[in-house]
């Protein structure tokens, strides 16, 4: 329990910003390994630390996979990677920032 609290205190909630997603994901992915969480516990932990928009979407996806937690966890990460971690999305955001820089 103490280790779980110490690890959780090192996490930050996702800000649903694609530019920050990969850094957040890398930090988050070390926690389940350190805590030896089951797939269901990891899904719950993931949803808890997501931002408000992504959390709502993942709760719906979590419900779809309530019978198969391993497949659900895989689907959650795939959806997050597609919506927040796609290189094209990040590139577009950064290019827009450069274009709007004055």
N, C-alpha and C. Protein backbone atom coordinates (compact mmCIF):
# COMPACT_ATOMS: atom_id res chain seq x y z
N UNK A 1 0.83 -1.20 0.00
CA UNK A 1 0.00 0.00 0.00
C UNK A 1 0.87 1.26 0.00
N UNK A 2 1.91 1.27 0.79
CA UNK A 2 2.79 2.43 0.87
C UNK A 2 3.47 2.69 -0.48
N UNK A 3 3.95 1.61 -1.12
CA UNK A 3 4.60 1.77 -2.42
C UNK A 3 3.61 2.32 -3.44
N UNK A 4 2.37 1.84 -3.40
CA UNK A 4 1.34 2.30 -4.33
C UNK A 4 1.11 3.80 -4.15
N UNK A 5 1.05 4.25 -2.90
CA UNK A 5 0.86 5.68 -2.63
C UNK A 5 2.05 6.51 -3.11
N UNK A 6 3.25 6.00 -2.89
CA UNK A 6 4.45 6.73 -3.31
C UNK A 6 4.50 6.86 -4.83
N UNK A 7 4.19 5.78 -5.54
CA UNK A 7 4.22 5.82 -7.00
C UNK A 7 3.13 6.73 -7.51
N UNK A 8 1.93 6.62 -6.95
CA UNK A 8 0.81 7.44 -7.40
C UNK A 8 1.08 8.93 -7.18
N UNK A 9 1.80 9.27 -6.12
CA UNK A 9 2.11 10.67 -5.86
C UNK A 9 3.05 11.25 -6.91
N UNK A 10 3.78 10.40 -7.62
CA UNK A 10 4.68 10.86 -8.67
C UNK A 10 3.99 11.09 -10.00
N UNK A 11 2.73 10.68 -10.11
CA UNK A 11 1.98 10.84 -11.36
C UNK A 11 1.26 12.17 -11.41
N UNK A 12 1.02 12.62 -12.62
CA UNK A 12 0.18 13.78 -12.83
C UNK A 12 -0.96 13.36 -13.74
N UNK A 13 -2.07 14.03 -13.61
CA UNK A 13 -3.22 13.76 -14.46
C UNK A 13 -2.90 14.23 -15.87
N UNK A 14 -3.35 13.48 -16.86
CA UNK A 14 -3.16 13.88 -18.25
C UNK A 14 -3.91 15.18 -18.50
N UNK A 15 -3.34 16.03 -19.34
CA UNK A 15 -4.00 17.30 -19.66
C UNK A 15 -4.74 17.22 -21.00
N UNK A 16 -4.83 16.01 -21.57
CA UNK A 16 -5.50 15.78 -22.85
C UNK A 16 -4.87 16.58 -23.98
N UNK A 17 -3.62 16.95 -23.84
CA UNK A 17 -2.90 17.69 -24.86
C UNK A 17 -2.02 16.70 -25.63
N UNK A 18 -2.27 16.52 -26.93
CA UNK A 18 -1.47 15.57 -27.71
C UNK A 18 0.04 15.82 -27.65
N UNK A 19 0.45 17.07 -27.53
CA UNK A 19 1.88 17.38 -27.47
C UNK A 19 2.52 16.78 -26.22
N UNK A 20 1.76 16.70 -25.14
CA UNK A 20 2.28 16.16 -23.87
C UNK A 20 1.99 14.68 -23.68
N UNK A 21 1.19 14.10 -24.56
CA UNK A 21 0.70 12.73 -24.33
C UNK A 21 1.82 11.70 -24.22
N UNK A 22 2.79 11.72 -25.11
CA UNK A 22 3.83 10.68 -25.08
C UNK A 22 4.66 10.72 -23.80
N UNK A 23 4.95 11.91 -23.32
CA UNK A 23 5.68 12.03 -22.06
C UNK A 23 4.84 11.49 -20.92
N UNK A 24 3.56 11.87 -20.88
CA UNK A 24 2.66 11.39 -19.84
C UNK A 24 2.55 9.87 -19.91
N UNK A 25 2.41 9.32 -21.10
CA UNK A 25 2.27 7.87 -21.27
C UNK A 25 3.50 7.13 -20.76
N UNK A 26 4.68 7.63 -21.11
CA UNK A 26 5.92 7.00 -20.67
C UNK A 26 6.00 6.95 -19.15
N UNK A 27 5.66 8.06 -18.52
CA UNK A 27 5.65 8.11 -17.05
C UNK A 27 4.61 7.16 -16.48
N UNK A 28 3.43 7.18 -17.05
CA UNK A 28 2.34 6.35 -16.54
C UNK A 28 2.65 4.86 -16.70
N UNK A 29 3.24 4.46 -17.82
CA UNK A 29 3.46 3.04 -18.11
C UNK A 29 4.42 2.38 -17.12
N UNK A 30 5.25 3.14 -16.43
CA UNK A 30 6.16 2.54 -15.45
C UNK A 30 5.43 2.13 -14.18
N UNK A 31 4.30 2.77 -13.90
CA UNK A 31 3.60 2.51 -12.64
C UNK A 31 3.00 1.11 -12.57
N UNK A 32 2.20 0.66 -13.55
CA UNK A 32 1.65 -0.69 -13.44
C UNK A 32 2.72 -1.76 -13.33
N UNK A 33 3.85 -1.56 -13.98
CA UNK A 33 4.95 -2.52 -13.88
C UNK A 33 5.49 -2.56 -12.46
N UNK A 34 5.66 -1.40 -11.88
CA UNK A 34 6.19 -1.32 -10.52
C UNK A 34 5.23 -1.90 -9.49
N UNK A 35 3.93 -1.76 -9.74
CA UNK A 35 2.93 -2.19 -8.76
C UNK A 35 2.39 -3.59 -9.01
N UNK A 36 2.73 -4.20 -10.13
CA UNK A 36 2.23 -5.52 -10.49
C UNK A 36 0.70 -5.55 -10.49
N UNK A 37 0.07 -4.63 -11.21
CA UNK A 37 -1.38 -4.53 -11.26
C UNK A 37 -1.96 -5.54 -12.25
N UNK A 38 -3.16 -6.02 -11.96
CA UNK A 38 -3.89 -6.85 -12.91
C UNK A 38 -4.38 -5.95 -14.04
N UNK A 39 -4.89 -6.55 -15.11
CA UNK A 39 -5.40 -5.74 -16.22
C UNK A 39 -6.54 -4.84 -15.77
N UNK A 40 -7.45 -5.37 -14.96
CA UNK A 40 -8.58 -4.57 -14.47
C UNK A 40 -8.09 -3.41 -13.62
N UNK A 41 -7.14 -3.67 -12.74
CA UNK A 41 -6.59 -2.60 -11.90
C UNK A 41 -5.87 -1.55 -12.75
N UNK A 42 -5.19 -2.01 -13.79
CA UNK A 42 -4.49 -1.07 -14.66
C UNK A 42 -5.48 -0.20 -15.43
N UNK A 43 -6.58 -0.80 -15.90
CA UNK A 43 -7.62 -0.04 -16.59
C UNK A 43 -8.18 1.02 -15.65
N UNK A 44 -8.52 0.63 -14.44
CA UNK A 44 -9.05 1.58 -13.46
C UNK A 44 -8.05 2.69 -13.16
N UNK A 45 -6.79 2.31 -13.01
CA UNK A 45 -5.73 3.28 -12.72
C UNK A 45 -5.56 4.24 -13.89
N UNK A 46 -5.61 3.71 -15.10
CA UNK A 46 -5.49 4.53 -16.30
C UNK A 46 -6.60 5.55 -16.39
N UNK A 47 -7.83 5.11 -16.22
CA UNK A 47 -8.98 6.01 -16.31
C UNK A 47 -8.89 7.10 -15.23
N UNK A 48 -8.41 6.73 -14.07
CA UNK A 48 -8.28 7.69 -12.96
C UNK A 48 -7.32 8.83 -13.30
N UNK A 49 -6.25 8.53 -14.04
CA UNK A 49 -5.21 9.52 -14.30
C UNK A 49 -5.33 10.20 -15.65
N UNK A 50 -6.39 9.88 -16.40
CA UNK A 50 -6.62 10.57 -17.67
C UNK A 50 -7.26 11.92 -17.43
N UNK A 51 -7.19 12.79 -18.43
CA UNK A 51 -7.85 14.08 -18.36
C UNK A 51 -9.35 13.91 -18.46
N UNK A 52 -10.08 14.99 -18.29
CA UNK A 52 -11.54 14.89 -18.24
C UNK A 52 -12.14 14.41 -19.55
N UNK A 53 -11.68 14.89 -20.68
CA UNK A 53 -12.24 14.46 -21.97
C UNK A 53 -11.89 13.02 -22.29
N UNK A 54 -10.63 12.68 -22.17
CA UNK A 54 -10.21 11.32 -22.49
C UNK A 54 -10.78 10.31 -21.49
N UNK A 55 -10.92 10.69 -20.26
CA UNK A 55 -11.47 9.80 -19.25
C UNK A 55 -12.90 9.40 -19.57
N UNK A 56 -13.70 10.35 -20.00
CA UNK A 56 -15.10 10.05 -20.35
C UNK A 56 -15.17 9.06 -21.51
N UNK A 57 -14.35 9.30 -22.54
CA UNK A 57 -14.34 8.40 -23.70
C UNK A 57 -13.86 7.01 -23.31
N UNK A 58 -12.86 6.93 -22.47
CA UNK A 58 -12.31 5.63 -22.08
C UNK A 58 -13.24 4.87 -21.14
N UNK A 59 -14.04 5.58 -20.37
CA UNK A 59 -15.03 4.90 -19.52
C UNK A 59 -16.04 4.14 -20.39
N UNK A 60 -16.44 4.74 -21.50
CA UNK A 60 -17.36 4.06 -22.41
C UNK A 60 -16.70 2.83 -23.02
N UNK A 61 -15.45 2.97 -23.42
CA UNK A 61 -14.72 1.85 -24.00
C UNK A 61 -14.48 0.77 -22.95
N UNK A 62 -14.22 1.17 -21.73
CA UNK A 62 -14.03 0.23 -20.63
C UNK A 62 -15.29 -0.62 -20.43
N UNK A 63 -16.45 -0.01 -20.55
CA UNK A 63 -17.72 -0.72 -20.39
C UNK A 63 -17.90 -1.76 -21.49
N UNK A 64 -17.46 -1.44 -22.69
CA UNK A 64 -17.58 -2.38 -23.81
C UNK A 64 -16.76 -3.65 -23.55
N UNK A 65 -15.61 -3.49 -22.93
CA UNK A 65 -14.71 -4.62 -22.67
C UNK A 65 -14.78 -5.11 -21.23
N UNK A 66 -15.89 -4.94 -20.58
CA UNK A 66 -15.99 -5.34 -19.17
C UNK A 66 -15.82 -6.84 -18.97
N UNK A 67 -16.01 -7.62 -20.02
CA UNK A 67 -15.87 -9.07 -19.93
C UNK A 67 -14.45 -9.56 -20.22
N UNK A 68 -13.63 -8.71 -20.84
CA UNK A 68 -12.27 -9.09 -21.22
C UNK A 68 -11.32 -7.93 -20.94
N UNK A 69 -10.76 -7.91 -19.74
CA UNK A 69 -9.94 -6.78 -19.30
C UNK A 69 -8.64 -6.65 -20.07
N UNK A 70 -8.06 -7.76 -20.49
CA UNK A 70 -6.82 -7.70 -21.25
C UNK A 70 -7.05 -7.03 -22.60
N UNK A 71 -8.10 -7.44 -23.30
CA UNK A 71 -8.45 -6.83 -24.60
C UNK A 71 -8.87 -5.37 -24.39
N UNK A 72 -9.55 -5.09 -23.29
CA UNK A 72 -9.97 -3.73 -22.98
C UNK A 72 -8.79 -2.81 -22.77
N UNK A 73 -7.80 -3.27 -22.04
CA UNK A 73 -6.59 -2.47 -21.80
C UNK A 73 -5.88 -2.18 -23.11
N UNK A 74 -5.77 -3.19 -23.95
CA UNK A 74 -5.14 -3.01 -25.26
C UNK A 74 -5.93 -1.99 -26.10
N UNK A 75 -7.26 -2.11 -26.09
CA UNK A 75 -8.11 -1.19 -26.87
C UNK A 75 -8.01 0.24 -26.33
N UNK A 76 -7.93 0.39 -25.02
CA UNK A 76 -7.79 1.72 -24.43
C UNK A 76 -6.51 2.39 -24.91
N UNK A 77 -5.39 1.68 -24.83
CA UNK A 77 -4.11 2.27 -25.25
C UNK A 77 -4.11 2.55 -26.74
N UNK A 78 -4.71 1.68 -27.55
CA UNK A 78 -4.78 1.92 -28.99
C UNK A 78 -5.57 3.18 -29.29
N UNK A 79 -6.70 3.35 -28.61
CA UNK A 79 -7.53 4.53 -28.83
C UNK A 79 -6.80 5.80 -28.39
N UNK A 80 -6.16 5.74 -27.22
CA UNK A 80 -5.41 6.90 -26.73
C UNK A 80 -4.27 7.26 -27.69
N UNK A 81 -3.55 6.24 -28.16
CA UNK A 81 -2.46 6.49 -29.10
C UNK A 81 -2.98 7.13 -30.38
N UNK A 82 -4.13 6.67 -30.84
CA UNK A 82 -4.71 7.20 -32.07
C UNK A 82 -5.19 8.65 -31.89
N UNK A 83 -5.85 8.93 -30.77
CA UNK A 83 -6.45 10.24 -30.56
C UNK A 83 -5.50 11.28 -29.99
N UNK A 84 -4.48 10.84 -29.27
CA UNK A 84 -3.60 11.81 -28.61
C UNK A 84 -2.12 11.63 -28.95
N UNK A 85 -1.74 10.49 -29.48
CA UNK A 85 -0.32 10.24 -29.70
C UNK A 85 0.10 10.08 -31.13
N UNK A 86 -0.81 10.25 -32.06
CA UNK A 86 -0.46 10.10 -33.48
C UNK A 86 0.55 11.17 -33.89
N UNK A 87 1.66 10.76 -34.49
CA UNK A 87 2.69 11.73 -34.90
C UNK A 87 2.14 12.82 -35.81
N UNK A 88 1.21 12.46 -36.69
CA UNK A 88 0.65 13.45 -37.61
C UNK A 88 -0.12 14.53 -36.85
N UNK A 89 -0.82 14.13 -35.82
CA UNK A 89 -1.59 15.07 -35.00
C UNK A 89 -0.65 16.04 -34.29
N UNK A 90 0.38 15.51 -33.71
CA UNK A 90 1.35 16.33 -32.99
C UNK A 90 2.07 17.28 -33.96
N UNK A 91 2.45 16.75 -35.11
CA UNK A 91 3.11 17.58 -36.11
C UNK A 91 2.20 18.74 -36.54
N UNK A 92 0.93 18.46 -36.76
CA UNK A 92 -0.02 19.48 -37.16
C UNK A 92 -0.16 20.56 -36.09
N UNK A 93 -0.24 20.16 -34.85
CA UNK A 93 -0.36 21.13 -33.75
C UNK A 93 0.88 22.02 -33.70
N UNK A 94 2.05 21.40 -33.79
CA UNK A 94 3.29 22.19 -33.73
C UNK A 94 3.44 23.11 -34.93
N UNK A 95 3.07 22.64 -36.11
CA UNK A 95 3.13 23.51 -37.30
C UNK A 95 2.17 24.68 -37.17
N UNK A 96 0.97 24.43 -36.63
CA UNK A 96 0.01 25.52 -36.41
C UNK A 96 0.56 26.55 -35.43
N UNK A 97 1.25 26.08 -34.41
CA UNK A 97 1.86 27.01 -33.45
C UNK A 97 2.92 27.88 -34.14
N UNK A 98 3.71 27.26 -35.00
CA UNK A 98 4.73 28.02 -35.72
C UNK A 98 4.11 29.04 -36.67
N UNK A 99 3.08 28.63 -37.36
CA UNK A 99 2.40 29.55 -38.28
C UNK A 99 1.77 30.74 -37.56
N UNK A 100 1.28 30.49 -36.36
CA UNK A 100 0.60 31.55 -35.60
C UNK A 100 1.54 32.35 -34.71
N UNK A 101 2.82 32.01 -34.73
CA UNK A 101 3.81 32.70 -33.92
C UNK A 101 4.05 34.10 -34.48
N UNK A 102 3.96 35.08 -33.63
CA UNK A 102 4.20 36.45 -34.09
C UNK A 102 5.22 37.14 -33.23
